[in-house]
C-alpha cells in the first residue's frame, strides 16, 4: 500500500521550477500578479496542506504535525477573506 504524503507531513513538498521562481519573486517583491497568485496558491495548497485531511491513523504525532501545517494555511485563507472595512469599524 502506498502511503500518502499526508501521513508523512514532515517530508519536504514536491515543487517545480515555477513554484520556486514564484516564491523567490514574491520574497524579492518583484512578482507580477500571476506569480503572486501562483506563490500564494502553492503556499496554501501544497506547503501547508490546507485542504488535506490532517488525521494520520498510524500516528498522533504525525496528525499533530499535519494539523500545525494546515493551521498556517487556514490563517492565510482567513485573511484573504476577511472584510477589512468591517474589521476596522470594530477597532474603534
Protein backbone atom coordinates (compact mmCIF):
# COMPACT_ATOMS: atom_id res chain seq x y z
CA UNK A 1 0.00 0.00 0.00
CA UNK A 2 1.40 3.40 -0.98
CA UNK A 3 1.27 5.93 1.82
CA UNK A 4 0.02 9.41 1.16
CA UNK A 5 2.31 12.34 1.98
CA UNK A 6 -0.47 13.47 4.30
CA UNK A 7 0.70 10.62 6.54
CA UNK A 8 4.29 11.90 6.40
CA UNK A 9 3.71 15.64 6.77
CA UNK A 10 7.30 16.35 7.80
CA UNK A 11 8.61 15.45 4.35
CA UNK A 12 9.51 18.36 2.06
CA UNK A 13 6.85 19.23 -0.51
CA UNK A 14 7.38 18.40 -4.15
CA UNK A 15 7.90 21.53 -6.21
CA UNK A 16 8.59 22.64 -9.73
CA UNK A 17 10.93 25.30 -11.10
CA UNK A 18 7.88 27.58 -11.48
CA UNK A 19 6.97 27.11 -7.81
CA UNK A 20 10.49 28.11 -6.72
CA UNK A 21 10.55 31.06 -9.14
CA UNK A 22 7.17 32.29 -7.88
CA UNK A 23 8.18 32.06 -4.20
CA UNK A 24 11.54 33.74 -4.84
CA UNK A 25 9.91 36.52 -6.88
CA UNK A 26 7.36 37.05 -4.11
CA UNK A 27 10.14 37.23 -1.50
CA UNK A 28 12.05 39.78 -3.56
CA UNK A 29 8.90 41.85 -4.06
CA UNK A 30 9.00 41.75 -7.86
CA UNK A 31 6.43 39.04 -8.61
CA UNK A 32 3.80 40.03 -11.17
CA UNK A 33 0.16 39.29 -10.43
CA UNK A 34 0.20 35.75 -11.87
CA UNK A 35 3.33 34.82 -9.88
CA UNK A 36 1.82 36.24 -6.70
CA UNK A 37 -1.29 34.12 -7.19
CA UNK A 38 0.83 31.06 -8.01
CA UNK A 39 3.05 31.55 -4.94
CA UNK A 40 0.11 32.02 -2.56
CA UNK A 41 -1.71 29.02 -4.02
CA UNK A 42 1.44 26.89 -3.66
CA UNK A 43 1.90 28.00 -0.04
CA UNK A 44 -1.73 27.36 0.92
CA UNK A 45 -2.45 24.20 -1.04
CA UNK A 46 0.91 22.43 -1.20
CA UNK A 47 3.19 23.64 1.56
CA UNK A 48 0.57 23.93 4.31
CA UNK A 49 -1.72 21.15 3.08
CA UNK A 50 -4.62 23.42 3.98
CA UNK A 51 -7.23 21.36 2.15
CA UNK A 52 -5.78 17.95 3.05
CA UNK A 53 -7.03 15.74 5.85
CA UNK A 54 -4.60 16.12 8.74
CA UNK A 55 -5.57 12.89 10.50
CA UNK A 56 -2.89 10.21 10.24
CA UNK A 57 -4.31 6.94 11.59
CA UNK A 58 -0.92 5.46 12.48
CA UNK A 59 0.49 8.39 14.43
CA UNK A 60 -0.94 11.04 16.72
CA UNK A 61 2.32 12.98 16.35
CA UNK A 62 2.05 12.97 12.55
CA UNK A 63 -1.57 14.14 12.88
CA UNK A 64 -0.49 16.98 15.16
CA UNK A 65 2.34 17.97 12.81
CA UNK A 66 -0.01 17.96 9.80
CA UNK A 67 -2.61 19.99 11.70
CA UNK A 68 0.02 22.57 12.63
CA UNK A 69 0.95 23.00 8.96
CA UNK A 70 -2.70 23.13 7.99
CA UNK A 71 -3.43 25.78 10.62
CA UNK A 72 -0.98 28.16 8.92
CA UNK A 73 -2.77 27.72 5.59
CA UNK A 74 -6.16 28.25 7.20
CA UNK A 75 -4.97 31.52 8.76
CA UNK A 76 -3.75 32.76 5.37
CA UNK A 77 -7.04 31.81 3.70
CA UNK A 78 -8.97 33.51 6.52
CA UNK A 79 -7.06 36.75 5.99
CA UNK A 80 -7.78 36.67 2.25
CA UNK A 81 -11.50 36.55 3.04
CA UNK A 82 -11.81 39.00 5.95
CA UNK A 83 -13.92 42.09 5.42
CA UNK A 84 -11.31 44.70 6.29
CA UNK A 85 -13.84 47.55 6.41
CA UNK A 86 -15.96 45.73 8.98
CA UNK A 87 -12.85 44.80 10.94
CA UNK A 88 -11.74 48.43 11.11
CA UNK A 89 -15.14 49.51 12.44
CA UNK A 90 -14.83 47.12 15.38
CA UNK A 91 -11.38 48.52 16.26
CA UNK A 92 -12.87 51.99 17.04
